[in-house]
Amino acid sequence: MDSDDDGLFDGTELGFDCDDDGTDTSKDVCIADADEGATTTSPLDADTDDGGVSDGDEDTDKDGEVDSGEGDPNDPSDDGMPPPGEECAEDADCGDASSGQVCVDESCQPGCRGEGGNGCPTGQLCSSSTMEVGSCGPADEPDSPMDDEAPIVTPDEAGVFLGGGGCECRAGGGGGLDGSSAALLAGVLLLIGRRRRRG
């Protein structure tokens, strides 16, 4: 069975042999892994290293072992290499835009360009932001959305929150008045009403 349709049997990709009692070798549906599991790939992902070349195309004899002249299905940096003896004239000869390979002195080399050439495989960033050749490395963690300059808001002992710009807010009660404040306000309104009547 070849679940990801990359030309390699699932068992070969997983590093299995064909010695199981249930395997009928006469059916030609099992190819024993030649390196006994030293190199394994995903039977559900046709391009395990996401380098742009399928696992089956890298393993040209389909035996599960990286032989001389074959690509390594776990190394995306070799997916853009031209056949042995072939030279490159531009980055496009060294694989697709995310191959992590660039053409330097008519030879494909590991690297990347920030613009105008090949970049890095998914999940990696190029150290160059120009046409100069840089190197691929792991992407940095995204910056925190918190602004380093934003004021830190902390409660004081009276339950008052003081923020930036002189803002003062009382905690609790959804902004309503407490009992003593409400009584004071009612008293002030009552006095205003009496003075108006006398006037």
N, C-alpha and C. Protein backbone atom coordinates (compact mmCIF):
# COMPACT_ATOMS: atom_id res chain seq x y z
N MET A 1 0.84 -1.19 0.00
CA MET A 1 0.00 0.00 0.00
C MET A 1 0.88 1.24 0.00
N ASP A 2 0.46 2.26 -0.79
CA ASP A 2 1.18 3.53 -0.86
C ASP A 2 0.18 4.64 -0.57
N SER A 3 -0.02 4.94 0.71
CA SER A 3 -1.10 5.85 1.14
C SER A 3 -0.94 7.26 0.59
N ASP A 4 0.31 7.76 0.49
CA ASP A 4 0.49 9.14 0.03
C ASP A 4 0.86 9.23 -1.45
N ASP A 5 0.85 8.10 -2.13
CA ASP A 5 1.06 8.06 -3.58
C ASP A 5 2.39 8.70 -4.00
N ASP A 6 3.44 8.43 -3.22
CA ASP A 6 4.75 8.98 -3.58
C ASP A 6 5.66 7.95 -4.25
N GLY A 7 5.14 6.76 -4.49
CA GLY A 7 5.93 5.72 -5.16
C GLY A 7 6.65 4.79 -4.21
N LEU A 8 6.52 5.03 -2.91
CA LEU A 8 7.15 4.18 -1.90
C LEU A 8 6.07 3.47 -1.09
N PHE A 9 6.24 2.17 -0.87
CA PHE A 9 5.29 1.45 -0.03
C PHE A 9 5.36 1.98 1.41
N ASP A 10 4.21 1.99 2.07
CA ASP A 10 4.14 2.48 3.45
C ASP A 10 5.14 1.76 4.35
N GLY A 11 5.22 0.46 4.24
CA GLY A 11 6.12 -0.32 5.09
C GLY A 11 7.57 0.04 4.86
N THR A 12 7.93 0.32 3.61
CA THR A 12 9.31 0.73 3.30
C THR A 12 9.59 2.08 3.94
N GLU A 13 8.64 3.00 3.85
CA GLU A 13 8.83 4.32 4.46
C GLU A 13 8.97 4.24 5.98
N LEU A 14 8.26 3.29 6.58
CA LEU A 14 8.30 3.14 8.03
C LEU A 14 9.47 2.32 8.53
N GLY A 15 10.27 1.77 7.62
CA GLY A 15 11.47 1.02 8.01
C GLY A 15 11.22 -0.46 8.25
N PHE A 16 10.11 -1.00 7.74
CA PHE A 16 9.78 -2.41 7.98
C PHE A 16 10.47 -3.33 6.99
N ASP A 17 10.61 -4.60 7.39
CA ASP A 17 11.08 -5.61 6.46
C ASP A 17 9.86 -6.36 5.92
N CYS A 18 10.08 -7.44 5.19
CA CYS A 18 8.97 -8.22 4.62
C CYS A 18 8.90 -9.60 5.26
N ASP A 19 9.36 -9.72 6.50
CA ASP A 19 9.44 -11.02 7.16
C ASP A 19 8.18 -11.43 7.91
N ASP A 20 7.18 -10.56 7.97
CA ASP A 20 5.96 -10.89 8.70
C ASP A 20 5.26 -12.08 8.03
N ASP A 21 4.70 -12.98 8.85
CA ASP A 21 4.05 -14.18 8.32
C ASP A 21 2.90 -13.84 7.39
N GLY A 22 2.27 -12.68 7.60
CA GLY A 22 1.14 -12.32 6.76
C GLY A 22 1.51 -11.67 5.45
N THR A 23 2.80 -11.51 5.19
CA THR A 23 3.25 -10.86 3.95
C THR A 23 3.44 -11.90 2.85
N ASP A 24 2.76 -11.70 1.76
CA ASP A 24 2.89 -12.59 0.60
C ASP A 24 3.85 -11.93 -0.38
N THR A 25 5.13 -12.33 -0.32
CA THR A 25 6.16 -11.70 -1.15
C THR A 25 5.94 -11.93 -2.64
N SER A 26 5.14 -12.93 -3.00
CA SER A 26 4.88 -13.20 -4.42
C SER A 26 3.99 -12.12 -5.05
N LYS A 27 3.32 -11.34 -4.22
CA LYS A 27 2.41 -10.31 -4.73
C LYS A 27 3.16 -9.03 -5.11
N ASP A 28 4.42 -8.93 -4.78
CA ASP A 28 5.22 -7.73 -5.07
C ASP A 28 4.59 -6.46 -4.50
N VAL A 29 4.10 -6.54 -3.26
CA VAL A 29 3.53 -5.37 -2.61
C VAL A 29 4.34 -5.00 -1.36
N CYS A 30 5.50 -5.60 -1.22
CA CYS A 30 6.37 -5.28 -0.09
C CYS A 30 7.80 -5.17 -0.57
N ILE A 31 8.43 -4.04 -0.23
CA ILE A 31 9.87 -3.86 -0.48
C ILE A 31 10.50 -3.59 0.88
N ALA A 32 11.35 -4.51 1.30
CA ALA A 32 11.99 -4.36 2.61
C ALA A 32 12.84 -3.10 2.65
N ASP A 33 12.79 -2.39 3.78
CA ASP A 33 13.61 -1.20 3.95
C ASP A 33 15.08 -1.60 3.97
N ALA A 34 15.84 -1.07 3.02
CA ALA A 34 17.23 -1.50 2.84
C ALA A 34 18.15 -1.12 3.99
N ASP A 35 17.83 -0.06 4.73
CA ASP A 35 18.73 0.30 5.84
C ASP A 35 18.11 -0.03 7.19
N GLU A 36 17.11 -0.91 7.19
CA GLU A 36 16.51 -1.45 8.42
C GLU A 36 16.00 -0.35 9.37
N GLY A 37 15.39 0.66 8.80
CA GLY A 37 14.78 1.70 9.62
C GLY A 37 15.67 2.86 9.99
N ALA A 38 16.91 2.88 9.50
CA ALA A 38 17.80 4.00 9.80
C ALA A 38 17.27 5.30 9.19
N THR A 39 16.60 5.19 8.05
CA THR A 39 15.97 6.34 7.41
C THR A 39 14.49 6.03 7.25
N THR A 40 13.66 6.82 7.90
CA THR A 40 12.21 6.63 7.76
C THR A 40 11.57 7.92 7.28
N THR A 41 10.45 7.78 6.59
CA THR A 41 9.70 8.92 6.11
C THR A 41 8.23 8.70 6.42
N SER A 42 7.44 9.73 6.23
CA SER A 42 6.01 9.64 6.54
C SER A 42 5.25 8.95 5.41
N PRO A 43 4.48 7.91 5.73
CA PRO A 43 3.67 7.27 4.69
C PRO A 43 2.42 8.06 4.34
N LEU A 44 2.18 9.17 5.08
CA LEU A 44 1.00 9.99 4.83
C LEU A 44 1.35 11.36 4.25
N ASP A 45 2.64 11.60 4.02
CA ASP A 45 3.10 12.89 3.47
C ASP A 45 4.06 12.58 2.34
N ALA A 46 3.67 12.90 1.11
CA ALA A 46 4.48 12.55 -0.06
C ALA A 46 5.83 13.25 -0.06
N ASP A 47 5.94 14.39 0.63
CA ASP A 47 7.21 15.14 0.70
C ASP A 47 7.52 15.41 2.17
N THR A 48 8.12 14.43 2.83
CA THR A 48 8.34 14.49 4.27
C THR A 48 9.11 15.73 4.70
N ASP A 49 10.13 16.12 3.94
CA ASP A 49 10.94 17.27 4.35
C ASP A 49 10.43 18.60 3.79
N ASP A 50 9.30 18.57 3.06
CA ASP A 50 8.70 19.78 2.50
C ASP A 50 9.70 20.59 1.67
N GLY A 51 10.60 19.90 1.00
CA GLY A 51 11.59 20.61 0.20
C GLY A 51 11.20 20.80 -1.25
N GLY A 52 10.07 20.22 -1.66
CA GLY A 52 9.60 20.40 -3.03
C GLY A 52 9.76 19.19 -3.93
N VAL A 53 10.43 18.14 -3.44
CA VAL A 53 10.60 16.91 -4.21
C VAL A 53 10.03 15.76 -3.39
N SER A 54 9.20 14.92 -4.01
CA SER A 54 8.55 13.84 -3.25
C SER A 54 9.57 12.81 -2.77
N ASP A 55 9.19 12.11 -1.70
CA ASP A 55 10.07 11.09 -1.13
C ASP A 55 10.45 10.04 -2.17
N GLY A 56 9.48 9.63 -2.97
CA GLY A 56 9.75 8.61 -4.00
C GLY A 56 10.69 9.08 -5.08
N ASP A 57 10.63 10.39 -5.42
CA ASP A 57 11.54 10.93 -6.43
C ASP A 57 12.95 11.06 -5.87
N GLU A 58 13.06 11.30 -4.57
CA GLU A 58 14.39 11.38 -3.97
C GLU A 58 15.00 9.98 -3.83
N ASP A 59 14.18 8.99 -3.48
CA ASP A 59 14.63 7.60 -3.34
C ASP A 59 14.37 6.90 -4.67
N THR A 60 15.27 7.10 -5.62
CA THR A 60 15.01 6.65 -6.99
C THR A 60 14.84 5.15 -7.13
N ASP A 61 15.51 4.34 -6.29
CA ASP A 61 15.34 2.88 -6.41
C ASP A 61 14.28 2.34 -5.45
N LYS A 62 13.63 3.26 -4.70
CA LYS A 62 12.47 2.94 -3.85
C LYS A 62 12.75 1.88 -2.79
N ASP A 63 13.98 1.89 -2.24
CA ASP A 63 14.32 0.86 -1.25
C ASP A 63 14.40 1.39 0.18
N GLY A 64 14.10 2.68 0.40
CA GLY A 64 14.09 3.23 1.75
C GLY A 64 15.45 3.62 2.29
N GLU A 65 16.47 3.52 1.48
CA GLU A 65 17.83 3.88 1.91
C GLU A 65 18.35 5.01 1.03
N VAL A 66 19.10 5.96 1.63
CA VAL A 66 19.69 7.05 0.87
C VAL A 66 20.99 6.54 0.24
N ASP A 67 20.93 6.28 -1.04
CA ASP A 67 22.11 5.79 -1.76
C ASP A 67 22.88 6.95 -2.38
N SER A 68 24.09 6.68 -2.79
CA SER A 68 24.92 7.69 -3.45
C SER A 68 24.19 8.22 -4.68
N GLY A 69 24.13 9.54 -4.80
CA GLY A 69 23.46 10.16 -5.94
C GLY A 69 21.98 10.40 -5.72
N GLU A 70 21.43 9.91 -4.61
CA GLU A 70 20.02 10.14 -4.30
C GLU A 70 19.88 11.30 -3.32
N GLY A 71 18.69 11.89 -3.32
CA GLY A 71 18.39 12.93 -2.34
C GLY A 71 18.02 12.29 -1.02
N ASP A 72 18.15 13.07 0.06
CA ASP A 72 17.74 12.62 1.39
C ASP A 72 16.33 13.14 1.64
N PRO A 73 15.34 12.25 1.76
CA PRO A 73 13.95 12.70 1.93
C PRO A 73 13.68 13.39 3.27
N ASN A 74 14.68 13.44 4.14
CA ASN A 74 14.54 14.15 5.41
C ASN A 74 15.37 15.43 5.45
N ASP A 75 15.91 15.84 4.29
CA ASP A 75 16.74 17.04 4.22
C ASP A 75 16.25 17.91 3.06
N PRO A 76 15.52 19.00 3.37
CA PRO A 76 14.97 19.82 2.28
C PRO A 76 16.04 20.57 1.49
N SER A 77 17.23 20.73 2.05
CA SER A 77 18.25 21.52 1.38
C SER A 77 18.79 20.87 0.12
N ASP A 78 18.59 19.55 -0.03
CA ASP A 78 19.13 18.91 -1.23
C ASP A 78 18.07 18.72 -2.32
N ASP A 79 16.85 19.20 -2.07
CA ASP A 79 15.78 18.97 -3.04
C ASP A 79 15.95 19.76 -4.32
N GLY A 80 16.70 20.85 -4.27
CA GLY A 80 16.87 21.66 -5.46
C GLY A 80 18.14 21.38 -6.23
N MET A 81 18.91 20.39 -5.80
CA MET A 81 20.18 20.13 -6.46
C MET A 81 19.95 19.55 -7.86
N PRO A 82 20.65 20.08 -8.86
CA PRO A 82 20.53 19.50 -10.20
C PRO A 82 21.22 18.14 -10.24
N PRO A 83 20.95 17.34 -11.26
CA PRO A 83 21.63 16.04 -11.37
C PRO A 83 23.15 16.22 -11.35
N PRO A 84 23.89 15.20 -10.83
CA PRO A 84 25.35 15.32 -10.77
C PRO A 84 25.94 15.70 -12.13
N GLY A 85 26.89 16.64 -12.12
CA GLY A 85 27.56 17.06 -13.35
C GLY A 85 26.86 18.21 -14.05
N GLU A 86 25.66 18.56 -13.61
CA GLU A 86 24.92 19.66 -14.25
C GLU A 86 25.17 20.94 -13.47
N GLU A 87 25.41 22.03 -14.17
CA GLU A 87 25.69 23.30 -13.51
C GLU A 87 24.45 24.18 -13.52
N CYS A 88 24.47 25.23 -12.71
CA CYS A 88 23.34 26.16 -12.65
C CYS A 88 23.75 27.51 -13.20
N ALA A 89 22.75 28.22 -13.72
CA ALA A 89 22.98 29.58 -14.19
C ALA A 89 22.27 30.59 -13.32
N GLU A 90 21.22 30.14 -12.61
CA GLU A 90 20.45 31.02 -11.74
C GLU A 90 19.82 30.18 -10.64
N ASP A 91 19.28 30.87 -9.64
CA ASP A 91 18.70 30.17 -8.49
C ASP A 91 17.60 29.20 -8.90
N ALA A 92 16.83 29.56 -9.92
CA ALA A 92 15.71 28.71 -10.35
C ALA A 92 16.19 27.33 -10.80
N ASP A 93 17.45 27.21 -11.17
CA ASP A 93 18.01 25.90 -11.55
C ASP A 93 18.26 25.03 -10.34
N CYS A 94 18.17 25.61 -9.16
CA CYS A 94 18.47 24.90 -7.92
C CYS A 94 17.22 24.58 -7.11
N GLY A 95 16.09 24.53 -7.76
CA GLY A 95 14.85 24.18 -7.07
C GLY A 95 13.90 25.36 -7.04
N ASP A 96 12.77 25.14 -6.36
CA ASP A 96 11.75 26.19 -6.33
C ASP A 96 12.13 27.31 -5.37
N ALA A 97 11.24 28.28 -5.23
CA ALA A 97 11.53 29.48 -4.46
C ALA A 97 11.75 29.21 -2.98
N SER A 98 11.36 28.04 -2.48
CA SER A 98 11.57 27.72 -1.06
C SER A 98 12.51 26.53 -0.87
N SER A 99 13.43 26.36 -1.80
CA SER A 99 14.33 25.20 -1.76
C SER A 99 15.46 25.34 -0.75
N GLY A 100 15.82 26.58 -0.38
CA GLY A 100 16.97 26.77 0.49
C GLY A 100 18.28 26.51 -0.23
N GLN A 101 18.25 26.64 -1.58
CA GLN A 101 19.43 26.44 -2.42
C GLN A 101 19.55 27.62 -3.38
N VAL A 102 20.76 28.14 -3.55
CA VAL A 102 21.01 29.23 -4.48
C VAL A 102 22.17 28.87 -5.39
N CYS A 103 22.21 29.54 -6.53
CA CYS A 103 23.29 29.30 -7.51
C CYS A 103 24.45 30.24 -7.21
N VAL A 104 25.58 29.68 -6.85
CA VAL A 104 26.78 30.47 -6.54
C VAL A 104 27.94 29.89 -7.35
N ASP A 105 28.57 30.74 -8.16
CA ASP A 105 29.68 30.30 -9.02
C ASP A 105 29.28 29.07 -9.84
N GLU A 106 28.07 29.13 -10.41
CA GLU A 106 27.54 28.08 -11.29
C GLU A 106 27.37 26.74 -10.60
N SER A 107 27.20 26.78 -9.29
CA SER A 107 26.99 25.56 -8.52
C SER A 107 25.91 25.80 -7.47
N CYS A 108 24.98 24.86 -7.31
CA CYS A 108 23.94 24.99 -6.30
C CYS A 108 24.54 24.79 -4.91
N GLN A 109 24.26 25.75 -4.04
CA GLN A 109 24.79 25.71 -2.68
C GLN A 109 23.66 25.98 -1.69
N PRO A 110 23.77 25.45 -0.47
CA PRO A 110 22.77 25.80 0.55
C PRO A 110 22.81 27.30 0.82
N GLY A 111 21.65 27.93 0.86
CA GLY A 111 21.59 29.36 1.12
C GLY A 111 20.26 29.93 0.68
N CYS A 112 20.16 31.26 0.74
CA CYS A 112 18.91 31.93 0.39
C CYS A 112 19.20 33.38 0.07
N ARG A 113 18.23 34.01 -0.54
CA ARG A 113 18.30 35.45 -0.80
C ARG A 113 17.04 36.09 -0.25
N GLY A 114 17.18 37.27 0.30
CA GLY A 114 16.01 37.97 0.84
C GLY A 114 15.08 38.44 -0.26
N GLU A 115 15.63 38.71 -1.43
CA GLU A 115 14.82 39.10 -2.59
C GLU A 115 15.56 38.73 -3.86
N GLY A 116 14.81 38.52 -4.92
CA GLY A 116 15.41 38.26 -6.22
C GLY A 116 16.00 36.88 -6.40
N GLY A 117 15.61 35.93 -5.58
CA GLY A 117 16.12 34.57 -5.72
C GLY A 117 15.41 33.61 -4.81
N ASN A 118 15.98 32.43 -4.62
CA ASN A 118 15.34 31.41 -3.80
C ASN A 118 15.42 31.75 -2.31
N GLY A 119 14.35 31.40 -1.62
CA GLY A 119 14.29 31.61 -0.18
C GLY A 119 14.45 30.30 0.57
N CYS A 120 13.89 30.25 1.76
CA CYS A 120 14.06 29.10 2.65
C CYS A 120 12.82 28.22 2.67
N PRO A 121 13.00 26.96 3.11
CA PRO A 121 11.85 26.08 3.29
C PRO A 121 10.89 26.63 4.34
N THR A 122 9.66 26.14 4.31
CA THR A 122 8.64 26.57 5.27
C THR A 122 9.14 26.41 6.70
N GLY A 123 8.92 27.44 7.52
CA GLY A 123 9.32 27.39 8.92
C GLY A 123 10.72 27.93 9.18
N GLN A 124 11.42 28.34 8.11
CA GLN A 124 12.76 28.90 8.27
C GLN A 124 12.80 30.31 7.71
N LEU A 125 13.73 31.12 8.21
CA LEU A 125 13.90 32.49 7.74
C LEU A 125 15.30 32.68 7.18
N CYS A 126 15.41 33.58 6.20
CA CYS A 126 16.70 33.88 5.58
C CYS A 126 17.39 35.01 6.35
N SER A 127 18.69 34.88 6.55
CA SER A 127 19.43 35.92 7.27
C SER A 127 19.67 37.16 6.40
N SER A 128 19.40 37.05 5.10
CA SER A 128 19.58 38.17 4.18
C SER A 128 18.24 38.80 3.85
N SER A 129 18.22 40.11 3.69
CA SER A 129 17.01 40.81 3.25
C SER A 129 17.21 41.43 1.87
N THR A 130 18.36 41.13 1.25
CA THR A 130 18.69 41.66 -0.07
C THR A 130 18.99 40.49 -1.01
N MET A 131 19.59 40.82 -2.16
CA MET A 131 19.97 39.77 -3.13
C MET A 131 21.24 39.04 -2.70
N GLU A 132 21.91 39.56 -1.66
CA GLU A 132 23.10 38.88 -1.15
C GLU A 132 22.71 37.52 -0.58
N VAL A 133 23.60 36.55 -0.69
CA VAL A 133 23.30 35.20 -0.20
C VAL A 133 23.38 35.18 1.33
N GLY A 134 22.34 34.64 1.94
CA GLY A 134 22.31 34.46 3.38
C GLY A 134 22.13 32.99 3.71
N SER A 135 21.85 32.70 4.96
CA SER A 135 21.63 31.31 5.38
C SER A 135 20.24 31.17 5.98
N CYS A 136 19.71 29.96 5.86
CA CYS A 136 18.39 29.67 6.41
C CYS A 136 18.53 29.22 7.87
N GLY A 137 17.62 29.67 8.69
CA GLY A 137 17.63 29.28 10.10
C GLY A 137 16.21 29.23 10.62
N PRO A 138 16.04 28.70 11.82
CA PRO A 138 14.69 28.61 12.39
C PRO A 138 14.07 29.98 12.55
N ALA A 139 12.78 30.04 12.30
CA ALA A 139 12.05 31.31 12.46
C ALA A 139 12.03 31.69 13.93
N ASP A 140 12.22 33.00 14.21
CA ASP A 140 12.16 33.49 15.59
C ASP A 140 10.73 33.38 16.10
N GLU A 141 10.61 33.35 17.42
CA GLU A 141 9.28 33.37 18.02
C GLU A 141 8.64 34.71 17.70
N PRO A 142 7.34 34.74 17.43
CA PRO A 142 6.68 36.02 17.14
C PRO A 142 6.78 36.98 18.33
N ASP A 143 6.88 38.27 18.00
CA ASP A 143 6.98 39.28 19.05
C ASP A 143 5.72 39.27 19.90
N SER A 144 5.89 39.60 21.16
CA SER A 144 4.75 39.69 22.06
C SER A 144 3.88 40.85 21.64
N PRO A 145 2.55 40.68 21.65
CA PRO A 145 1.67 41.78 21.28
C PRO A 145 1.67 42.91 22.31
N MET A 146 2.25 42.67 23.50
CA MET A 146 2.29 43.70 24.53
C MET A 146 3.31 44.77 24.16
N ASP A 147 2.94 46.03 24.31
CA ASP A 147 3.84 47.15 24.05
C ASP A 147 4.72 47.35 25.27
N ASP A 148 6.05 47.30 25.05
CA ASP A 148 6.97 47.45 26.18
C ASP A 148 6.82 48.81 26.86
N GLU A 149 6.32 49.82 26.11
CA GLU A 149 6.22 51.16 26.66
C GLU A 149 4.91 51.39 27.38
N ALA A 150 3.96 50.46 27.29
CA ALA A 150 2.66 50.65 27.91
C ALA A 150 2.80 50.68 29.43
N PRO A 151 2.05 51.57 30.10
CA PRO A 151 2.16 51.64 31.56
C PRO A 151 1.61 50.38 32.21
N ILE A 152 2.20 50.00 33.30
CA ILE A 152 1.72 48.85 34.06
C ILE A 152 0.67 49.34 35.04
N VAL A 153 -0.48 48.72 35.02
CA VAL A 153 -1.58 49.14 35.88
C VAL A 153 -1.62 48.23 37.09
N THR A 154 -1.54 48.82 38.29
CA THR A 154 -1.55 48.03 39.52
C THR A 154 -2.51 48.64 40.51
N PRO A 155 -3.16 47.83 41.34
CA PRO A 155 -4.08 48.38 42.34
C PRO A 155 -3.31 48.89 43.55
N ASP A 156 -3.75 50.05 44.09
CA ASP A 156 -3.14 50.50 45.34
C ASP A 156 -3.95 49.90 46.50
N GLU A 157 -3.57 50.24 47.71
CA GLU A 157 -4.21 49.61 48.86
C GLU A 157 -5.67 49.96 48.99
N ALA A 158 -6.11 51.12 48.42
CA ALA A 158 -7.50 51.54 48.55
C ALA A 158 -8.38 50.96 47.44
N GLY A 159 -7.78 50.14 46.57
CA GLY A 159 -8.56 49.55 45.49
C GLY A 159 -8.69 50.45 44.29
N VAL A 160 -7.85 51.50 44.19
CA VAL A 160 -7.89 52.42 43.06
C VAL A 160 -6.86 51.98 42.04
N PHE A 161 -7.27 51.92 40.78
CA PHE A 161 -6.34 51.57 39.72
C PHE A 161 -5.86 52.85 39.06
N LEU A 162 -4.54 53.02 39.03
CA LEU A 162 -3.96 54.18 38.39
C LEU A 162 -3.28 53.73 37.11
N GLY A 163 -3.71 54.23 35.97
CA GLY A 163 -3.12 53.86 34.69
C GLY A 163 -2.36 55.03 34.10
N GLY A 164 -1.94 54.88 32.84
CA GLY A 164 -1.24 55.95 32.17
C GLY A 164 -2.15 57.13 31.90
N GLY A 165 -1.58 58.33 31.79
CA GLY A 165 -2.33 59.52 31.46
C GLY A 165 -3.19 60.03 32.60
N GLY A 166 -2.96 59.59 33.83
CA GLY A 166 -3.68 60.11 34.97
C GLY A 166 -5.07 59.53 35.16
N CYS A 167 -5.37 58.47 34.44
CA CYS A 167 -6.68 57.85 34.58
C CYS A 167 -6.81 57.21 35.95
N GLU A 168 -7.97 57.43 36.61
CA GLU A 168 -8.19 56.80 37.91
C GLU A 168 -9.55 56.13 37.88
N CYS A 169 -9.60 54.85 38.19
CA CYS A 169 -10.85 54.11 38.17
C CYS A 169 -10.94 53.29 39.43
N ARG A 170 -12.15 53.19 39.99
CA ARG A 170 -12.33 52.38 41.19
C ARG A 170 -12.73 50.99 40.78
N ALA A 171 -12.20 49.98 41.48
CA ALA A 171 -12.52 48.59 41.17
C ALA A 171 -13.85 48.23 41.78
N GLY A 172 -14.58 47.31 41.14
CA GLY A 172 -15.80 46.74 41.70
C GLY A 172 -17.00 47.61 41.45
N GLY A 173 -18.17 47.01 41.54
CA GLY A 173 -19.42 47.74 41.46
C GLY A 173 -19.78 48.23 40.09
N GLY A 174 -18.99 47.89 39.06
CA GLY A 174 -19.33 48.29 37.70
C GLY A 174 -19.43 49.81 37.55
N GLY A 175 -18.76 50.60 38.42
CA GLY A 175 -18.76 52.05 38.26
C GLY A 175 -19.89 52.71 39.02
N GLY A 176 -20.72 51.97 39.75
CA GLY A 176 -21.83 52.55 40.51
C GLY A 176 -21.35 53.18 41.80
N LEU A 177 -22.25 53.86 42.50
CA LEU A 177 -21.90 54.53 43.76
C LEU A 177 -22.05 53.56 44.91
N ASP A 178 -21.16 53.68 45.91
CA ASP A 178 -21.35 52.87 47.11
C ASP A 178 -22.38 53.57 48.00
N GLY A 179 -22.75 52.97 49.12
CA GLY A 179 -23.83 53.49 49.95
C GLY A 179 -23.59 54.89 50.46
N SER A 180 -22.39 55.20 50.98
CA SER A 180 -22.13 56.52 51.56
C SER A 180 -22.11 57.59 50.48
N SER A 181 -21.60 57.27 49.30
CA SER A 181 -21.57 58.25 48.21
C SER A 181 -22.98 58.56 47.74
N ALA A 182 -23.81 57.52 47.65
CA ALA A 182 -25.20 57.73 47.22
C ALA A 182 -25.94 58.60 48.22
N ALA A 183 -25.72 58.38 49.52
CA ALA A 183 -26.39 59.17 50.56
C ALA A 183 -25.96 60.63 50.48
N LEU A 184 -24.67 60.85 50.27
CA LEU A 184 -24.15 62.21 50.17
C LEU A 184 -24.76 62.93 48.97
N LEU A 185 -24.82 62.26 47.84
CA LEU A 185 -25.38 62.85 46.64
C LEU A 185 -26.86 63.18 46.85
N ALA A 186 -27.59 62.27 47.49
CA ALA A 186 -29.01 62.52 47.75
C ALA A 186 -29.19 63.75 48.64
N GLY A 187 -28.31 63.91 49.66
CA GLY A 187 -28.38 65.06 50.55
C GLY A 187 -28.14 66.36 49.82
N VAL A 188 -27.15 66.38 48.94
CA VAL A 188 -26.83 67.59 48.17
C VAL A 188 -28.01 67.96 47.28
N LEU A 189 -28.59 66.98 46.61
CA LEU A 189 -29.74 67.25 45.74
C LEU A 189 -30.93 67.78 46.55
N LEU A 190 -31.13 67.26 47.77
CA LEU A 190 -32.22 67.71 48.63
C LEU A 190 -32.03 69.17 49.02
N LEU A 191 -30.81 69.57 49.38
CA LEU A 191 -30.52 70.95 49.74
C LEU A 191 -30.75 71.89 48.56
N ILE A 192 -30.33 71.46 47.37
CA ILE A 192 -30.53 72.30 46.18
C ILE A 192 -32.02 72.51 45.93
N GLY A 193 -32.78 71.42 46.11
CA GLY A 193 -34.23 71.53 45.90
C GLY A 193 -34.88 72.48 46.89
N ARG A 194 -34.45 72.47 48.18
CA ARG A 194 -35.04 73.36 49.19
C ARG A 194 -34.70 74.82 48.90
N ARG A 195 -33.47 75.08 48.47
CA ARG A 195 -33.08 76.46 48.19
C ARG A 195 -33.88 77.01 47.02
N ARG A 196 -34.16 76.16 46.05
CA ARG A 196 -34.94 76.64 44.89
C ARG A 196 -36.36 77.00 45.31
N ARG A 197 -36.93 76.21 46.27
CA ARG A 197 -38.28 76.50 46.71
C ARG A 197 -38.35 77.84 47.44
N ARG A 198 -37.33 78.14 48.27
CA ARG A 198 -37.30 79.38 49.02
C ARG A 198 -37.14 80.56 48.09
N GLY A 199 -36.38 80.30 46.99
CA GLY A 199 -36.13 81.40 46.07
C GLY A 199 -37.39 81.74 45.35
